[in-house]
Amino acid sequence: MSDSAALDSFLEKWRARWPEWSVAEVFVAPVRRDIVVAWFALLQEFEDVLNIAGDPLPADAKLAWWGEELRGWASQRSRHPLGRRLEPVRADWARLADALPTLAQARTVPRDREAGFAALSRYGDAVAAVESGVLGRVPASQAIVADMLAARLMEVGGVAVPVNLRQGADEAGQLRAWATALHEAWPPRDGARERRLLSAYVQGRLLRFARRGEPAPLPSRASLLFTGWRAARGG
């Protein structure tokens, strides 16, 4: 597979997981679309490692590999297809590399909501710092962590629920309680327009999950368009 085809496969994999983005891209300048998706696809690789099921050793080895890879981007020595698109960006890739091991630690069940946010705070700070270079604006690191905790809940279910929410309710009730607690802690959306768009769609998924206790179908295209329009305007 050529480098171009390999890169396209990673970008399309992310798009398939986020069909909302086909609507959101109307609010994104065409010249920025490829690098935005490449950046979000890279972050999805790390989320997948956080949310691994079963034996964590292969995922931890992948984290170590990514750490070496990101450190090489400062010297234009990428090996991964996403690096072909992202390594020319001047950003603190080494800081992100240094934060990756905290993802393995963050698989531990948190004591409560505050502990859940704290476990990913270093990673969130590193992502925010790099995103300022990639997208041109610094997002709130707490917003990045909120996105990740919401995605983790919807990906792994009850494993993500904090200890203090595991009493006095069935599993569906626990899932709804954690989704509601995350929504209540959601910071105002800021950062680049593309970050606001993605965060709005993550939050939309979370709200639908909170009502059902399980993933819900996507709303209509018109509803997604309105959500994107509000996020693009800063709402």
C-alpha atoms as a PDB file:
ATOM      1  CA  MET A   1       0.000   0.000   0.000  1.00  0.00           C
ATOM      2  CA  SER A   2       1.346   3.434  -0.930  1.00  0.00           C
ATOM      3  CA  ASP A   3       1.869   6.109   1.710  1.00  0.00           C
ATOM      4  CA  SER A   4      -1.036   8.084   0.268  1.00  0.00           C
ATOM      5  CA  ALA A   5      -3.371   5.081   0.317  1.00  0.00           C
ATOM      6  CA  ALA A   6      -2.317   4.196   3.867  1.00  0.00           C
ATOM      7  CA  LEU A   7      -3.004   7.754   5.036  1.00  0.00           C
ATOM      8  CA  ASP A   8      -6.389   7.744   3.318  1.00  0.00           C
ATOM      9  CA  SER A   9      -7.317   4.496   5.070  1.00  0.00           C
ATOM     10  CA  PHE A  10      -6.686   6.048   8.507  1.00  0.00           C
ATOM     11  CA  LEU A  11      -8.641   9.165   7.620  1.00  0.00           C
ATOM     12  CA  GLU A  12     -11.572   7.132   6.305  1.00  0.00           C
ATOM     13  CA  LYS A  13     -11.548   4.916   9.387  1.00  0.00           C
ATOM     14  CA  TRP A  14     -12.061   7.994  11.556  1.00  0.00           C
ATOM     15  CA  ARG A  15     -14.759   9.371   9.265  1.00  0.00           C
ATOM     16  CA  ALA A  16     -16.608   6.058   9.474  1.00  0.00           C
ATOM     17  CA  ARG A  17     -16.629   6.309  13.261  1.00  0.00           C
ATOM     18  CA  TRP A  18     -17.854   9.898  13.110  1.00  0.00           C
ATOM     19  CA  PRO A  19     -20.487  10.104  10.381  1.00  0.00           C
ATOM     20  CA  GLU A  20     -21.576  13.415  11.934  1.00  0.00           C
ATOM     21  CA  TRP A  21     -18.428  14.917  10.416  1.00  0.00           C
ATOM     22  CA  SER A  22     -19.825  14.647   6.904  1.00  0.00           C
ATOM     23  CA  VAL A  23     -22.304  17.307   8.057  1.00  0.00           C
ATOM     24  CA  ALA A  24     -19.829  19.287  10.153  1.00  0.00           C
ATOM     25  CA  GLU A  25     -17.342  19.790   7.312  1.00  0.00           C
ATOM     26  CA  VAL A  26     -19.586  22.366   5.678  1.00  0.00           C
ATOM     27  CA  PHE A  27     -18.401  24.671   8.494  1.00  0.00           C
ATOM     28  CA  VAL A  28     -14.689  23.854   7.955  1.00  0.00           C
ATOM     29  CA  ALA A  29     -12.533  25.653   5.407  1.00  0.00           C
ATOM     30  CA  PRO A  30     -11.653  23.191   2.596  1.00  0.00           C
ATOM     31  CA  VAL A  31      -7.933  23.888   2.971  1.00  0.00           C
ATOM     32  CA  ARG A  32      -8.068  22.713   6.620  1.00  0.00           C
ATOM     33  CA  ARG A  33     -10.176  19.588   6.235  1.00  0.00           C
ATOM     34  CA  ASP A  34      -7.429  17.022   5.675  1.00  0.00           C
ATOM     35  CA  ILE A  35      -5.201  18.123   8.535  1.00  0.00           C
ATOM     36  CA  VAL A  36      -8.159  18.389  10.920  1.00  0.00           C
ATOM     37  CA  VAL A  37      -9.221  14.817  10.208  1.00  0.00           C
ATOM     38  CA  ALA A  38      -5.603  13.623  10.440  1.00  0.00           C
ATOM     39  CA  TRP A  39      -5.306  15.223  13.892  1.00  0.00           C
ATOM     40  CA  PHE A  40      -8.556  13.757  15.162  1.00  0.00           C
ATOM     41  CA  ALA A  41      -7.636  10.367  13.670  1.00  0.00           C
ATOM     42  CA  LEU A  42      -4.361  10.462  15.614  1.00  0.00           C
ATOM     43  CA  LEU A  43      -6.196  11.205  18.853  1.00  0.00           C
ATOM     44  CA  GLN A  44      -8.585   8.339  18.086  1.00  0.00           C
ATOM     45  CA  GLU A  45      -5.597   5.984  17.979  1.00  0.00           C
ATOM     46  CA  PHE A  46      -4.800   6.991  21.547  1.00  0.00           C
ATOM     47  CA  GLU A  47      -8.421   6.692  22.672  1.00  0.00           C
ATOM     48  CA  ASP A  48      -8.487   3.157  21.297  1.00  0.00           C
ATOM     49  CA  VAL A  49      -5.465   2.297  23.415  1.00  0.00           C
ATOM     50  CA  LEU A  50      -7.156   3.747  26.502  1.00  0.00           C
ATOM     51  CA  ASN A  51     -10.334   1.787  25.841  1.00  0.00           C
ATOM     52  CA  ILE A  52      -8.741  -1.548  25.009  1.00  0.00           C
ATOM     53  CA  ALA A  53     -10.568  -4.687  26.105  1.00  0.00           C
ATOM     54  CA  GLY A  54      -8.715  -7.750  27.357  1.00  0.00           C
ATOM     55  CA  ASP A  55      -4.948  -8.071  27.671  1.00  0.00           C
ATOM     56  CA  PRO A  56      -3.475  -4.543  27.953  1.00  0.00           C
ATOM     57  CA  LEU A  57       0.101  -5.530  27.049  1.00  0.00           C
ATOM     58  CA  PRO A  58      -0.263  -5.127  23.263  1.00  0.00           C
ATOM     59  CA  ALA A  59      -1.930  -1.744  23.791  1.00  0.00           C
ATOM     60  CA  ASP A  60       0.806  -0.633  26.165  1.00  0.00           C
ATOM     61  CA  ALA A  61       3.431  -1.684  23.621  1.00  0.00           C
ATOM     62  CA  LYS A  62       1.594   0.388  21.029  1.00  0.00           C
ATOM     63  CA  LEU A  63       1.718   3.383  23.380  1.00  0.00           C
ATOM     64  CA  ALA A  64       5.480   2.973  23.727  1.00  0.00           C
ATOM     65  CA  TRP A  65       5.830   2.812  19.942  1.00  0.00           C
ATOM     66  CA  TRP A  66       3.760   5.964  19.540  1.00  0.00           C
ATOM     67  CA  GLY A  67       5.946   7.724  22.091  1.00  0.00           C
ATOM     68  CA  GLU A  68       9.024   7.044  19.963  1.00  0.00           C
ATOM     69  CA  GLU A  69       7.151   7.981  16.808  1.00  0.00           C
ATOM     70  CA  LEU A  70       6.008  11.373  18.120  1.00  0.00           C
ATOM     71  CA  ARG A  71       9.491  12.259  19.331  1.00  0.00           C
ATOM     72  CA  GLY A  72      10.767  11.589  15.829  1.00  0.00           C
ATOM     73  CA  TRP A  73       8.330  14.031  14.263  1.00  0.00           C
ATOM     74  CA  ALA A  74      10.342  16.999  15.475  1.00  0.00           C
ATOM     75  CA  SER A  75      13.151  15.746  13.210  1.00  0.00           C
ATOM     76  CA  GLN A  76      10.852  14.887  10.295  1.00  0.00           C
ATOM     77  CA  ARG A  77      11.349  11.159  10.847  1.00  0.00           C
ATOM     78  CA  SER A  78       7.796   9.866  10.744  1.00  0.00           C
ATOM     79  CA  ARG A  79       7.050   6.203  10.107  1.00  0.00           C
ATOM     80  CA  HIS A  80       3.273   6.257  10.539  1.00  0.00           C
ATOM     81  CA  PRO A  81       1.085   7.442   7.623  1.00  0.00           C
ATOM     82  CA  LEU A  82      -0.521  10.125   9.809  1.00  0.00           C
ATOM     83  CA  GLY A  83       2.921  11.584  10.365  1.00  0.00           C
ATOM     84  CA  ARG A  84       3.222  12.388   6.672  1.00  0.00           C
ATOM     85  CA  ARG A  85       0.478  14.934   7.186  1.00  0.00           C
ATOM     86  CA  LEU A  86       1.107  16.046  10.753  1.00  0.00           C
ATOM     87  CA  GLU A  87       4.863  16.115  11.318  1.00  0.00           C
ATOM     88  CA  PRO A  88       5.416  19.324   9.301  1.00  0.00           C
ATOM     89  CA  VAL A  89       3.343  21.148  11.939  1.00  0.00           C
ATOM     90  CA  ARG A  90       5.495  22.894  14.518  1.00  0.00           C
ATOM     91  CA  ALA A  91       4.104  21.612  17.791  1.00  0.00           C
ATOM     92  CA  ASP A  92       5.278  20.119  21.080  1.00  0.00           C
ATOM     93  CA  TRP A  93       5.085  16.511  19.928  1.00  0.00           C
ATOM     94  CA  ALA A  94       7.530  15.420  22.643  1.00  0.00           C
ATOM     95  CA  ARG A  95       5.193  16.683  25.355  1.00  0.00           C
ATOM     96  CA  LEU A  96       2.389  14.586  23.914  1.00  0.00           C
ATOM     97  CA  ALA A  97       4.716  11.588  23.780  1.00  0.00           C
ATOM     98  CA  ASP A  98       5.627  12.058  27.441  1.00  0.00           C
ATOM     99  CA  ALA A  99       1.929  12.116  28.412  1.00  0.00           C
ATOM    100  CA  LEU A 100       0.942   8.894  26.635  1.00  0.00           C
ATOM    101  CA  PRO A 101       1.846   6.522  29.515  1.00  0.00           C
ATOM    102  CA  THR A 102      -0.838   8.185  31.648  1.00  0.00           C
ATOM    103  CA  LEU A 103      -3.455   6.608  29.368  1.00  0.00           C
ATOM    104  CA  ALA A 104      -2.547   3.167  30.666  1.00  0.00           C
ATOM    105  CA  GLN A 105      -2.920   4.418  34.236  1.00  0.00           C
ATOM    106  CA  ALA A 106      -6.269   6.029  33.400  1.00  0.00           C
ATOM    107  CA  ARG A 107      -7.825   2.609  32.702  1.00  0.00           C
ATOM    108  CA  THR A 108      -8.156   2.194  36.462  1.00  0.00           C
ATOM    109  CA  VAL A 109     -11.714   2.720  37.706  1.00  0.00           C
ATOM    110  CA  PRO A 110     -11.848   6.260  39.156  1.00  0.00           C
ATOM    111  CA  ARG A 111     -13.134   6.926  42.659  1.00  0.00           C
ATOM    112  CA  ASP A 112     -15.464   9.697  41.467  1.00  0.00           C
ATOM    113  CA  ARG A 113     -15.900  12.267  38.722  1.00  0.00           C
ATOM    114  CA  GLU A 114     -13.080  14.471  39.947  1.00  0.00           C
ATOM    115  CA  ALA A 115     -10.675  11.530  39.985  1.00  0.00           C
ATOM    116  CA  GLY A 116     -11.741  10.603  36.474  1.00  0.00           C
ATOM    117  CA  PHE A 117     -10.861  14.068  35.186  1.00  0.00           C
ATOM    118  CA  ALA A 118      -7.627  14.146  37.180  1.00  0.00           C
ATOM    119  CA  ALA A 119      -6.417  10.838  35.721  1.00  0.00           C
ATOM    120  CA  LEU A 120      -6.439  12.321  32.221  1.00  0.00           C
ATOM    121  CA  SER A 121      -5.437  15.881  33.075  1.00  0.00           C
ATOM    122  CA  ARG A 122      -1.789  15.577  32.024  1.00  0.00           C
ATOM    123  CA  TYR A 123      -2.779  14.029  28.710  1.00  0.00           C
ATOM    124  CA  GLY A 124      -5.442  16.699  28.178  1.00  0.00           C
ATOM    125  CA  ASP A 125      -2.898  19.469  28.798  1.00  0.00           C
ATOM    126  CA  ALA A 126      -0.496  17.912  26.271  1.00  0.00           C
ATOM    127  CA  VAL A 127      -3.193  17.532  23.621  1.00  0.00           C
ATOM    128  CA  ALA A 128      -4.263  21.148  24.144  1.00  0.00           C
ATOM    129  CA  ALA A 129      -0.689  22.344  23.708  1.00  0.00           C
ATOM    130  CA  VAL A 130      -0.203  20.423  20.458  1.00  0.00           C
ATOM    131  CA  GLU A 131      -3.635  21.364  19.147  1.00  0.00           C
ATOM    132  CA  SER A 132      -2.672  25.019  19.406  1.00  0.00           C
ATOM    133  CA  GLY A 133      -0.072  24.290  16.735  1.00  0.00           C
ATOM    134  CA  VAL A 134      -2.230  22.034  14.587  1.00  0.00           C
ATOM    135  CA  LEU A 135      -5.494  24.004  14.650  1.00  0.00           C
ATOM    136  CA  GLY A 136      -4.225  27.430  15.683  1.00  0.00           C
ATOM    137  CA  ARG A 137      -6.069  27.841  18.989  1.00  0.00           C
ATOM    138  CA  VAL A 138      -5.655  26.350  22.453  1.00  0.00           C
ATOM    139  CA  PRO A 139      -8.726  24.464  23.690  1.00  0.00           C
ATOM    140  CA  ALA A 140      -9.499  23.989  27.367  1.00  0.00           C
ATOM    141  CA  SER A 141      -7.797  20.790  28.444  1.00  0.00           C
ATOM    142  CA  GLN A 142     -10.832  19.936  30.585  1.00  0.00           C
ATOM    143  CA  ALA A 143     -12.959  19.906  27.425  1.00  0.00           C
ATOM    144  CA  ILE A 144     -10.602  17.397  25.828  1.00  0.00           C
ATOM    145  CA  VAL A 145     -10.797  15.207  28.921  1.00  0.00           C
ATOM    146  CA  ALA A 146     -14.595  15.463  28.956  1.00  0.00           C
ATOM    147  CA  ASP A 147     -14.663  14.304  25.334  1.00  0.00           C
ATOM    148  CA  MET A 148     -12.470  11.328  26.220  1.00  0.00           C
ATOM    149  CA  LEU A 149     -14.430  10.306  29.301  1.00  0.00           C
ATOM    150  CA  ALA A 150     -17.681  10.477  27.347  1.00  0.00           C
ATOM    151  CA  ALA A 151     -16.231   8.413  24.513  1.00  0.00           C
ATOM    152  CA  ARG A 152     -14.841   5.911  27.010  1.00  0.00           C
ATOM    153  CA  LEU A 153     -18.231   5.466  28.657  1.00  0.00           C
ATOM    154  CA  MET A 154     -19.930   4.837  25.334  1.00  0.00           C
ATOM    155  CA  GLU A 155     -17.154   2.475  24.229  1.00  0.00           C
ATOM    156  CA  VAL A 156     -16.596   0.273  27.286  1.00  0.00           C
ATOM    157  CA  GLY A 157     -19.783   0.791  29.315  1.00  0.00           C
ATOM    158  CA  GLY A 158     -19.808  -0.142  32.980  1.00  0.00           C
ATOM    159  CA  VAL A 159     -16.027  -0.476  33.235  1.00  0.00           C
ATOM    160  CA  ALA A 160     -15.818   3.320  33.008  1.00  0.00           C
ATOM    161  CA  VAL A 161     -18.308   4.121  35.789  1.00  0.00           C
ATOM    162  CA  PRO A 162     -16.684   5.589  38.936  1.00  0.00           C
ATOM    163  CA  VAL A 163     -16.855   3.671  42.201  1.00  0.00           C
ATOM    164  CA  ASN A 164     -19.174   6.178  43.882  1.00  0.00           C
ATOM    165  CA  LEU A 165     -21.859   5.614  41.206  1.00  0.00           C
ATOM    166  CA  ARG A 166     -21.853   1.821  41.375  1.00  0.00           C
ATOM    167  CA  GLN A 167     -24.220   1.482  44.319  1.00  0.00           C
ATOM    168  CA  GLY A 168     -27.982   1.471  44.522  1.00  0.00           C
ATOM    169  CA  ALA A 169     -28.768   1.117  40.818  1.00  0.00           C
ATOM    170  CA  ASP A 170     -28.689  -1.475  38.069  1.00  0.00           C
ATOM    171  CA  GLU A 171     -26.018  -1.236  35.380  1.00  0.00           C
ATOM    172  CA  ALA A 172     -28.206   0.819  33.045  1.00  0.00           C
ATOM    173  CA  GLY A 173     -28.885   3.256  35.873  1.00  0.00           C
ATOM    174  CA  GLN A 174     -25.185   3.504  36.641  1.00  0.00           C
ATOM    175  CA  LEU A 175     -24.412   4.243  33.006  1.00  0.00           C
ATOM    176  CA  ARG A 176     -27.062   6.960  32.874  1.00  0.00           C
ATOM    177  CA  ALA A 177     -25.806   8.438  36.153  1.00  0.00           C
ATOM    178  CA  TRP A 178     -22.233   8.692  34.872  1.00  0.00           C
ATOM    179  CA  ALA A 179     -23.379  10.163  31.566  1.00  0.00           C
ATOM    180  CA  THR A 180     -25.418  12.760  33.442  1.00  0.00           C
ATOM    181  CA  ALA A 181     -22.519  13.587  35.768  1.00  0.00           C
ATOM    182  CA  LEU A 182     -20.213  14.101  32.796  1.00  0.00           C
ATOM    183  CA  HIS A 183     -22.719  16.327  31.058  1.00  0.00           C
ATOM    184  CA  GLU A 184     -23.078  18.470  34.195  1.00  0.00           C
ATOM    185  CA  ALA A 185     -19.292  18.915  34.347  1.00  0.00           C
ATOM    186  CA  TRP A 186     -18.956  19.809  30.668  1.00  0.00           C
ATOM    187  CA  PRO A 187     -16.973  23.023  30.271  1.00  0.00           C
ATOM    188  CA  PRO A 188     -17.962  25.710  27.755  1.00  0.00           C
ATOM    189  CA  ARG A 189     -16.847  24.777  24.253  1.00  0.00           C
ATOM    190  CA  ASP A 190     -13.841  26.778  23.112  1.00  0.00           C
ATOM    191  CA  GLY A 191     -10.726  26.404  21.018  1.00  0.00           C
ATOM    192  CA  ALA A 192     -10.685  26.150  17.235  1.00  0.00           C
ATOM    193  CA  ARG A 193     -13.955  25.831  15.348  1.00  0.00           C
ATOM    194  CA  GLU A 194     -13.188  22.201  14.493  1.00  0.00           C
ATOM    195  CA  ARG A 195     -12.706  21.306  18.147  1.00  0.00           C
ATOM    196  CA  ARG A 196     -15.994  22.976  19.041  1.00  0.00           C
ATOM    197  CA  LEU A 197     -17.755  21.036  16.301  1.00  0.00           C
ATOM    198  CA  LEU A 198     -16.421  17.663  17.402  1.00  0.00           C
ATOM    199  CA  SER A 199     -17.084  18.402  21.065  1.00  0.00           C
ATOM    200  CA  ALA A 200     -20.685  19.349  20.250  1.00  0.00           C
ATOM    201  CA  TYR A 201     -21.233  16.015  18.542  1.00  0.00           C
ATOM    202  CA  VAL A 202     -19.567  14.099  21.387  1.00  0.00           C
ATOM    203  CA  GLN A 203     -21.860  15.871  23.829  1.00  0.00           C
ATOM    204  CA  GLY A 204     -24.851  15.090  21.651  1.00  0.00           C
ATOM    205  CA  ARG A 205     -23.990  11.403  21.680  1.00  0.00           C
ATOM    206  CA  LEU A 206     -23.560  11.550  25.449  1.00  0.00           C
ATOM    207  CA  LEU A 207     -26.968  13.161  26.004  1.00  0.00           C
ATOM    208  CA  ARG A 208     -28.672  10.494  23.908  1.00  0.00           C
ATOM    209  CA  PHE A 209     -26.751   7.836  25.823  1.00  0.00           C
ATOM    210  CA  ALA A 210     -27.858   9.358  29.137  1.00  0.00           C
ATOM    211  CA  ARG A 211     -31.511   9.024  28.150  1.00  0.00           C
ATOM    212  CA  ARG A 212     -31.226   5.388  27.059  1.00  0.00           C
ATOM    213  CA  GLY A 213     -28.304   3.938  29.006  1.00  0.00           C
ATOM    214  CA  GLU A 214     -26.880   2.728  25.679  1.00  0.00           C
ATOM    215  CA  PRO A 215     -25.742   4.215  22.362  1.00  0.00           C
ATOM    216  CA  ALA A 216     -28.576   5.784  20.388  1.00  0.00           C
ATOM    217  CA  PRO A 217     -29.103   6.286  16.640  1.00  0.00           C
ATOM    218  CA  LEU A 218     -27.950   9.532  15.102  1.00  0.00           C
ATOM    219  CA  PRO A 219     -30.515  12.323  14.869  1.00  0.00           C
ATOM    220  CA  SER A 220     -31.621  13.698  11.516  1.00  0.00           C
ATOM    221  CA  ARG A 221     -29.233  15.494   9.216  1.00  0.00           C
ATOM    222  CA  ALA A 222     -31.123  18.720   9.864  1.00  0.00           C
ATOM    223  CA  SER A 223     -30.570  18.322  13.613  1.00  0.00           C
ATOM    224  CA  LEU A 224     -26.858  17.610  13.087  1.00  0.00           C
ATOM    225  CA  LEU A 225     -26.605  20.643  10.847  1.00  0.00           C
ATOM    226  CA  PHE A 226     -28.181  22.882  13.485  1.00  0.00           C
ATOM    227  CA  THR A 227     -25.830  21.492  16.164  1.00  0.00           C
ATOM    228  CA  GLY A 228     -22.851  22.168  13.909  1.00  0.00           C
ATOM    229  CA  TRP A 229     -24.052  25.667  13.087  1.00  0.00           C
ATOM    230  CA  ARG A 230     -24.334  26.556  16.775  1.00  0.00           C
ATOM    231  CA  ALA A 231     -20.910  25.109  17.570  1.00  0.00           C
ATOM    232  CA  ALA A 232     -19.307  26.869  14.612  1.00  0.00           C
ATOM    233  CA  ARG A 233     -20.716  30.178  15.860  1.00  0.00           C
ATOM    234  CA  GLY A 234     -19.333  29.491  19.321  1.00  0.00           C
ATOM    235  CA  GLY A 235     -22.550  28.388  21.016  1.00  0.00           C
END
